[in-house]
Amino acid sequence: PQFREIETNAEKLWFTQILDHKAPLENAATYQQKYYVNDKYWDEVSGPIFLSIQGEGPCNGPPGGFMAELAQQYKAKLI
């Protein structure tokens, strides 16, 4: 399907992620995990938050396409 372009003001952010979730006390290694927040259409009072999981692949940009259209329609924040 064709999705229309959605303007974004997504902010690229980082947080410290634990590398080994099965043994975090034995292995304290961490890395910086990237994520994006787009609140352009978000209604802070009643808007939902939509979370897009990139899986094991790289996070190359904010959620777009259908997710962005839904965010605009439902006044949601995209993460």
PDB file of N, CA and C in Angstrom:
ATOM      1  N   PRO A   1       0.818  -1.192   0.000  1.00  0.00           N
ATOM      2  CA  PRO A   1       0.000   0.000   0.000  1.00  0.00           C
ATOM      3  C   PRO A   1       0.866   1.261   0.000  1.00  0.00           C
ATOM      4  N   GLN A   2       0.305   2.309  -0.517  1.00  0.00           N
ATOM      5  CA  GLN A   2       0.974   3.607  -0.525  1.00  0.00           C
ATOM      6  C   GLN A   2       0.545   4.399   0.710  1.00  0.00           C
ATOM      7  N   PHE A   3       1.522   4.916   1.432  1.00  0.00           N
ATOM      8  CA  PHE A   3       1.237   5.754   2.588  1.00  0.00           C
ATOM      9  C   PHE A   3       1.716   7.161   2.279  1.00  0.00           C
ATOM     10  N   ARG A   4       0.942   8.125   2.702  1.00  0.00           N
ATOM     11  CA  ARG A   4       1.353   9.502   2.455  1.00  0.00           C
ATOM     12  C   ARG A   4       2.474   9.878   3.413  1.00  0.00           C
ATOM     13  N   GLU A   5       3.288  10.834   2.983  1.00  0.00           N
ATOM     14  CA  GLU A   5       4.388  11.296   3.825  1.00  0.00           C
ATOM     15  C   GLU A   5       3.821  12.016   5.043  1.00  0.00           C
ATOM     16  N   ILE A   6       4.319  11.682   6.204  1.00  0.00           N
ATOM     17  CA  ILE A   6       3.917  12.337   7.437  1.00  0.00           C
ATOM     18  C   ILE A   6       5.104  13.156   7.927  1.00  0.00           C
ATOM     19  N   GLU A   7       4.862  14.432   8.131  1.00  0.00           N
ATOM     20  CA  GLU A   7       5.925  15.290   8.648  1.00  0.00           C
ATOM     21  C   GLU A   7       6.269  14.836  10.060  1.00  0.00           C
ATOM     22  N   THR A   8       7.537  14.845  10.386  1.00  0.00           N
ATOM     23  CA  THR A   8       7.956  14.375  11.695  1.00  0.00           C
ATOM     24  C   THR A   8       8.872  15.381  12.361  1.00  0.00           C
ATOM     25  N   ASN A   9       8.815  15.428  13.640  1.00  0.00           N
ATOM     26  CA  ASN A   9       9.764  16.191  14.424  1.00  0.00           C
ATOM     27  C   ASN A   9      10.403  15.243  15.428  1.00  0.00           C
ATOM     28  N   ALA A  10      10.605  14.017  15.013  1.00  0.00           N
ATOM     29  CA  ALA A  10      11.110  12.979  15.901  1.00  0.00           C
ATOM     30  C   ALA A  10      12.475  13.348  16.451  1.00  0.00           C
ATOM     31  N   GLU A  11      12.621  13.104  17.735  1.00  0.00           N
ATOM     32  CA  GLU A  11      13.880  13.362  18.420  1.00  0.00           C
ATOM     33  C   GLU A  11      14.609  12.035  18.608  1.00  0.00           C
ATOM     34  N   LYS A  12      15.895  12.007  18.233  1.00  0.00           N
ATOM     35  CA  LYS A  12      16.708  10.800  18.432  1.00  0.00           C
ATOM     36  C   LYS A  12      17.273  10.845  19.844  1.00  0.00           C
ATOM     37  N   LEU A  13      17.032   9.782  20.599  1.00  0.00           N
ATOM     38  CA  LEU A  13      17.488   9.701  21.987  1.00  0.00           C
ATOM     39  C   LEU A  13      18.228   8.385  22.206  1.00  0.00           C
ATOM     40  N   TRP A  14      18.929   8.297  23.328  1.00  0.00           N
ATOM     41  CA  TRP A  14      19.712   7.112  23.675  1.00  0.00           C
ATOM     42  C   TRP A  14      19.494   6.784  25.148  1.00  0.00           C
ATOM     43  N   PHE A  15      19.568   5.495  25.483  1.00  0.00           N
ATOM     44  CA  PHE A  15      19.602   5.114  26.897  1.00  0.00           C
ATOM     45  C   PHE A  15      20.570   3.959  27.071  1.00  0.00           C
ATOM     46  N   THR A  16      21.058   3.815  28.290  1.00  0.00           N
ATOM     47  CA  THR A  16      22.021   2.752  28.590  1.00  0.00           C
ATOM     48  C   THR A  16      21.255   1.451  28.803  1.00  0.00           C
ATOM     49  N   GLN A  17      21.557   0.463  27.962  1.00  0.00           N
ATOM     50  CA  GLN A  17      20.877  -0.825  27.976  1.00  0.00           C
ATOM     51  C   GLN A  17      21.821  -1.901  28.512  1.00  0.00           C
ATOM     52  N   ILE A  18      21.302  -2.805  29.306  1.00  0.00           N
ATOM     53  CA  ILE A  18      22.085  -3.944  29.798  1.00  0.00           C
ATOM     54  C   ILE A  18      22.279  -4.930  28.655  1.00  0.00           C
ATOM     55  N   LEU A  19      23.497  -5.394  28.472  1.00  0.00           N
ATOM     56  CA  LEU A  19      23.791  -6.318  27.387  1.00  0.00           C
ATOM     57  C   LEU A  19      23.275  -7.725  27.671  1.00  0.00           C
ATOM     58  N   ASP A  20      23.436  -8.191  28.904  1.00  0.00           N
ATOM     59  CA  ASP A  20      23.051  -9.557  29.265  1.00  0.00           C
ATOM     60  C   ASP A  20      21.908  -9.513  30.277  1.00  0.00           C
ATOM     61  N   HIS A  21      20.671  -9.706  29.803  1.00  0.00           N
ATOM     62  CA  HIS A  21      19.520  -9.643  30.693  1.00  0.00           C
ATOM     63  C   HIS A  21      19.359 -10.908  31.541  1.00  0.00           C
ATOM     64  N   LYS A  22      20.016 -11.994  31.141  1.00  0.00           N
ATOM     65  CA  LYS A  22      19.892 -13.247  31.896  1.00  0.00           C
ATOM     66  C   LYS A  22      20.796 -13.253  33.123  1.00  0.00           C
ATOM     67  N   ALA A  23      21.901 -12.543  33.053  1.00  0.00           N
ATOM     68  CA  ALA A  23      22.838 -12.512  34.181  1.00  0.00           C
ATOM     69  C   ALA A  23      23.403 -11.102  34.348  1.00  0.00           C
ATOM     70  N   PRO A  24      22.558 -10.107  34.633  1.00  0.00           N
ATOM     71  CA  PRO A  24      23.037  -8.731  34.705  1.00  0.00           C
ATOM     72  C   PRO A  24      24.016  -8.471  35.845  1.00  0.00           C
ATOM     73  N   LEU A  25      23.945  -9.261  36.908  1.00  0.00           N
ATOM     74  CA  LEU A  25      24.875  -9.057  38.024  1.00  0.00           C
ATOM     75  C   LEU A  25      26.255  -9.632  37.716  1.00  0.00           C
ATOM     76  N   GLU A  26      26.300 -10.697  36.940  1.00  0.00           N
ATOM     77  CA  GLU A  26      27.580 -11.316  36.596  1.00  0.00           C
ATOM     78  C   GLU A  26      28.247 -10.593  35.431  1.00  0.00           C
ATOM     79  N   ASN A  27      27.447 -10.016  34.548  1.00  0.00           N
ATOM     80  CA  ASN A  27      27.981  -9.332  33.372  1.00  0.00           C
ATOM     81  C   ASN A  27      27.384  -7.924  33.339  1.00  0.00           C
ATOM     82  N   ALA A  28      28.174  -6.942  33.738  1.00  0.00           N
ATOM     83  CA  ALA A  28      27.682  -5.565  33.858  1.00  0.00           C
ATOM     84  C   ALA A  28      27.855  -4.770  32.559  1.00  0.00           C
ATOM     85  N   ALA A  29      28.136  -5.458  31.451  1.00  0.00           N
ATOM     86  CA  ALA A  29      28.345  -4.747  30.187  1.00  0.00           C
ATOM     87  C   ALA A  29      27.059  -4.059  29.740  1.00  0.00           C
ATOM     88  N   THR A  30      27.217  -2.870  29.179  1.00  0.00           N
ATOM     89  CA  THR A  30      26.081  -2.101  28.671  1.00  0.00           C
ATOM     90  C   THR A  30      26.428  -1.523  27.304  1.00  0.00           C
ATOM     91  N   TYR A  31      25.424  -0.986  26.649  1.00  0.00           N
ATOM     92  CA  TYR A  31      25.633  -0.266  25.392  1.00  0.00           C
ATOM     93  C   TYR A  31      24.570   0.820  25.292  1.00  0.00           C
ATOM     94  N   GLN A  32      24.761   1.760  24.387  1.00  0.00           N
ATOM     95  CA  GLN A  32      23.817   2.848  24.191  1.00  0.00           C
ATOM     96  C   GLN A  32      22.790   2.422  23.130  1.00  0.00           C
ATOM     97  N   GLN A  33      21.530   2.329  23.537  1.00  0.00           N
ATOM     98  CA  GLN A  33      20.462   1.932  22.623  1.00  0.00           C
ATOM     99  C   GLN A  33      19.715   3.178  22.154  1.00  0.00           C
ATOM    100  N   LYS A  34      19.517   3.255  20.843  1.00  0.00           N
ATOM    101  CA  LYS A  34      18.869   4.406  20.223  1.00  0.00           C
ATOM    102  C   LYS A  34      17.373   4.180  20.107  1.00  0.00           C
ATOM    103  N   TYR A  35      16.626   5.265  20.277  1.00  0.00           N
ATOM    104  CA  TYR A  35      15.187   5.244  20.021  1.00  0.00           C
ATOM    105  C   TYR A  35      14.743   6.639  19.598  1.00  0.00           C
ATOM    106  N   TYR A  36      13.574   6.739  19.039  1.00  0.00           N
ATOM    107  CA  TYR A  36      13.039   8.007  18.564  1.00  0.00           C
ATOM    108  C   TYR A  36      11.708   8.286  19.246  1.00  0.00           C
ATOM    109  N   VAL A  37      11.436   9.565  19.479  1.00  0.00           N
ATOM    110  CA  VAL A  37      10.154   9.996  20.029  1.00  0.00           C
ATOM    111  C   VAL A  37       9.582  11.056  19.097  1.00  0.00           C
ATOM    112  N   ASN A  38       8.364  10.820  18.634  1.00  0.00           N
ATOM    113  CA  ASN A  38       7.660  11.777  17.790  1.00  0.00           C
ATOM    114  C   ASN A  38       6.349  12.128  18.489  1.00  0.00           C
ATOM    115  N   ASP A  39       6.260  13.371  18.971  1.00  0.00           N
ATOM    116  CA  ASP A  39       5.048  13.796  19.659  1.00  0.00           C
ATOM    117  C   ASP A  39       4.321  14.916  18.913  1.00  0.00           C
ATOM    118  N   LYS A  40       4.564  15.004  17.612  1.00  0.00           N
ATOM    119  CA  LYS A  40       3.979  16.069  16.794  1.00  0.00           C
ATOM    120  C   LYS A  40       2.457  16.103  16.895  1.00  0.00           C
ATOM    121  N   TYR A  41       1.809  14.962  16.891  1.00  0.00           N
ATOM    122  CA  TYR A  41       0.348  14.896  16.880  1.00  0.00           C
ATOM    123  C   TYR A  41      -0.240  14.496  18.231  1.00  0.00           C
ATOM    124  N   TRP A  42       0.595  14.324  19.237  1.00  0.00           N
ATOM    125  CA  TRP A  42       0.172  13.761  20.512  1.00  0.00           C
ATOM    126  C   TRP A  42      -0.720  14.709  21.298  1.00  0.00           C
ATOM    127  N   ASP A  43      -1.843  14.186  21.743  1.00  0.00           N
ATOM    128  CA  ASP A  43      -2.714  14.888  22.674  1.00  0.00           C
ATOM    129  C   ASP A  43      -2.305  14.411  24.067  1.00  0.00           C
ATOM    130  N   GLU A  44      -1.630  15.266  24.834  1.00  0.00           N
ATOM    131  CA  GLU A  44      -1.082  14.871  26.135  1.00  0.00           C
ATOM    132  C   GLU A  44      -2.150  14.478  27.142  1.00  0.00           C
ATOM    133  N   VAL A  45      -3.379  14.913  26.943  1.00  0.00           N
ATOM    134  CA  VAL A  45      -4.453  14.600  27.887  1.00  0.00           C
ATOM    135  C   VAL A  45      -5.054  13.224  27.617  1.00  0.00           C
ATOM    136  N   SER A  46      -5.333  12.929  26.347  1.00  0.00           N
ATOM    137  CA  SER A  46      -6.053  11.681  26.071  1.00  0.00           C
ATOM    138  C   SER A  46      -5.416  10.817  24.978  1.00  0.00           C
ATOM    139  N   GLY A  47      -4.287  11.253  24.420  1.00  0.00           N
ATOM    140  CA  GLY A  47      -3.677  10.496  23.332  1.00  0.00           C
ATOM    141  C   GLY A  47      -2.922   9.265  23.819  1.00  0.00           C
ATOM    142  N   PRO A  48      -2.990   8.177  23.063  1.00  0.00           N
ATOM    143  CA  PRO A  48      -2.252   6.965  23.421  1.00  0.00           C
ATOM    144  C   PRO A  48      -0.771   7.102  23.057  1.00  0.00           C
ATOM    145  N   ILE A  49      -0.006   6.130  23.458  1.00  0.00           N
ATOM    146  CA  ILE A  49       1.408   6.041  23.074  1.00  0.00           C
ATOM    147  C   ILE A  49       1.571   4.758  22.280  1.00  0.00           C
ATOM    148  N   PHE A  50       2.091   4.887  21.056  1.00  0.00           N
ATOM    149  CA  PHE A  50       2.339   3.736  20.196  1.00  0.00           C
ATOM    150  C   PHE A  50       3.819   3.414  20.230  1.00  0.00           C
ATOM    151  N   LEU A  51       4.153   2.174  20.521  1.00  0.00           N
ATOM    152  CA  LEU A  51       5.535   1.719  20.592  1.00  0.00           C
ATOM    153  C   LEU A  51       5.823   0.823  19.398  1.00  0.00           C
ATOM    154  N   SER A  52       6.851   1.178  18.633  1.00  0.00           N
ATOM    155  CA  SER A  52       7.264   0.378  17.489  1.00  0.00           C
ATOM    156  C   SER A  52       8.582  -0.308  17.832  1.00  0.00           C
ATOM    157  N   ILE A  53       8.566  -1.628  17.853  1.00  0.00           N
ATOM    158  CA  ILE A  53       9.764  -2.398  18.185  1.00  0.00           C
ATOM    159  C   ILE A  53      10.499  -2.744  16.892  1.00  0.00           C
ATOM    160  N   GLN A  54      11.752  -2.368  16.807  1.00  0.00           N
ATOM    161  CA  GLN A  54      12.549  -2.622  15.610  1.00  0.00           C
ATOM    162  C   GLN A  54      13.068  -4.059  15.561  1.00  0.00           C
ATOM    163  N   GLY A  55      12.930  -4.781  16.629  1.00  0.00           N
ATOM    164  CA  GLY A  55      13.417  -6.163  16.660  1.00  0.00           C
ATOM    165  C   GLY A  55      14.930  -6.198  16.782  1.00  0.00           C
ATOM    166  N   GLU A  56      15.542  -7.164  16.152  1.00  0.00           N
ATOM    167  CA  GLU A  56      16.992  -7.311  16.253  1.00  0.00           C
ATOM    168  C   GLU A  56      17.731  -6.545  15.172  1.00  0.00           C
ATOM    169  N   GLY A  57      17.010  -5.871  14.300  1.00  0.00           N
ATOM    170  CA  GLY A  57      17.638  -5.085  13.251  1.00  0.00           C
ATOM    171  C   GLY A  57      17.961  -3.683  13.740  1.00  0.00           C
ATOM    172  N   PRO A  58      18.636  -2.913  12.910  1.00  0.00           N
ATOM    173  CA  PRO A  58      19.002  -1.550  13.290  1.00  0.00           C
ATOM    174  C   PRO A  58      17.788  -0.627  13.323  1.00  0.00           C
ATOM    175  N   CYS A  59      17.843   0.355  14.173  1.00  0.00           N
ATOM    176  CA  CYS A  59      16.810   1.386  14.265  1.00  0.00           C
ATOM    177  C   CYS A  59      17.289   2.547  13.389  1.00  0.00           C
ATOM    178  N   ASN A  60      16.775   2.614  12.175  1.00  0.00           N
ATOM    179  CA  ASN A  60      17.278   3.583  11.198  1.00  0.00           C
ATOM    180  C   ASN A  60      16.482   4.877  11.132  1.00  0.00           C
ATOM    181  N   GLY A  61      15.482   5.021  11.955  1.00  0.00           N
ATOM    182  CA  GLY A  61      14.699   6.242  11.939  1.00  0.00           C
ATOM    183  C   GLY A  61      13.398   6.063  12.686  1.00  0.00           C
ATOM    184  N   PRO A  62      12.671   7.146  12.835  1.00  0.00           N
ATOM    185  CA  PRO A  62      11.413   7.068  13.560  1.00  0.00           C
ATOM    186  C   PRO A  62      10.385   6.239  12.802  1.00  0.00           C
ATOM    187  N   PRO A  63       9.399   5.710  13.526  1.00  0.00           N
ATOM    188  CA  PRO A  63       8.338   4.971  12.851  1.00  0.00           C
ATOM    189  C   PRO A  63       7.658   5.855  11.812  1.00  0.00           C
ATOM    190  N   GLY A  64       7.383   5.285  10.678  1.00  0.00           N
ATOM    191  CA  GLY A  64       6.737   6.039   9.606  1.00  0.00           C
ATOM    192  C   GLY A  64       5.622   5.215   8.998  1.00  0.00           C
ATOM    193  N   GLY A  65       5.215   5.587   7.811  1.00  0.00           N
ATOM    194  CA  GLY A  65       4.197   4.829   7.089  1.00  0.00           C
ATOM    195  C   GLY A  65       2.904   4.711   7.858  1.00  0.00           C
ATOM    196  N   PHE A  66       2.408   3.488   7.959  1.00  0.00           N
ATOM    197  CA  PHE A  66       1.125   3.229   8.588  1.00  0.00           C
ATOM    198  C   PHE A  66       1.114   3.655  10.053  1.00  0.00           C
ATOM    199  N   MET A  67       2.214   3.401  10.777  1.00  0.00           N
ATOM    200  CA  MET A  67       2.285   3.792  12.188  1.00  0.00           C
ATOM    201  C   MET A  67       2.145   5.300  12.334  1.00  0.00           C
ATOM    202  N   ALA A  68       2.790   6.059  11.469  1.00  0.00           N
ATOM    203  CA  ALA A  68       2.713   7.515  11.541  1.00  0.00           C
ATOM    204  C   ALA A  68       1.306   8.006  11.199  1.00  0.00           C
ATOM    205  N   GLU A  69       0.668   7.369  10.229  1.00  0.00           N
ATOM    206  CA  GLU A  69      -0.708   7.741   9.901  1.00  0.00           C
ATOM    207  C   GLU A  69      -1.640   7.468  11.082  1.00  0.00           C
ATOM    208  N   LEU A  70      -1.454   6.338  11.744  1.00  0.00           N
ATOM    209  CA  LEU A  70      -2.269   6.028  12.918  1.00  0.00           C
ATOM    210  C   LEU A  70      -2.026   7.027  14.038  1.00  0.00           C
ATOM    211  N   ALA A  71      -0.770   7.421  14.225  1.00  0.00           N
ATOM    212  CA  ALA A  71      -0.448   8.398  15.263  1.00  0.00           C
ATOM    213  C   ALA A  71      -1.171   9.713  14.996  1.00  0.00           C
ATOM    214  N   GLN A  72      -1.194  10.128  13.749  1.00  0.00           N
ATOM    215  CA  GLN A  72      -1.890  11.368  13.398  1.00  0.00           C
ATOM    216  C   GLN A  72      -3.396  11.215  13.625  1.00  0.00           C
ATOM    217  N   GLN A  73      -3.937  10.091  13.203  1.00  0.00           N
ATOM    218  CA  GLN A  73      -5.380   9.859  13.333  1.00  0.00           C
ATOM    219  C   GLN A  73      -5.837   9.808  14.793  1.00  0.00           C
ATOM    220  N   TYR A  74      -5.047   9.128  15.653  1.00  0.00           N
ATOM    221  CA  TYR A  74      -5.439   8.917  17.041  1.00  0.00           C
ATOM    222  C   TYR A  74      -4.765   9.881  18.022  1.00  0.00           C
ATOM    223  N   LYS A  75      -4.033  10.861  17.485  1.00  0.00           N
ATOM    224  CA  LYS A  75      -3.331  11.857  18.309  1.00  0.00           C
ATOM    225  C   LYS A  75      -2.396  11.177  19.302  1.00  0.00           C
ATOM    226  N   ALA A  76      -1.594  10.257  18.766  1.00  0.00           N
ATOM    227  CA  ALA A  76      -0.721   9.431  19.592  1.00  0.00           C
ATOM    228  C   ALA A  76       0.724   9.930  19.563  1.00  0.00           C
ATOM    229  N   LYS A  77       1.447   9.547  20.577  1.00  0.00           N
ATOM    230  CA  LYS A  77       2.892   9.728  20.618  1.00  0.00           C
ATOM    231  C   LYS A  77       3.507   8.463  20.040  1.00  0.00           C
ATOM    232  N   LEU A  78       4.506   8.603  19.193  1.00  0.00           N
ATOM    233  CA  LEU A  78       5.213   7.457  18.621  1.00  0.00           C
ATOM    234  C   LEU A  78       6.566   7.301  19.298  1.00  0.00           C
ATOM    235  N   ILE A  79       6.861   6.092  19.726  1.00  0.00           N
ATOM    236  CA  ILE A  79       8.184   5.794  20.281  1.00  0.00           C
ATOM    237  C   ILE A  79       8.709   4.605  19.537  1.00  0.00           C
TER     238      ILE A  79
END
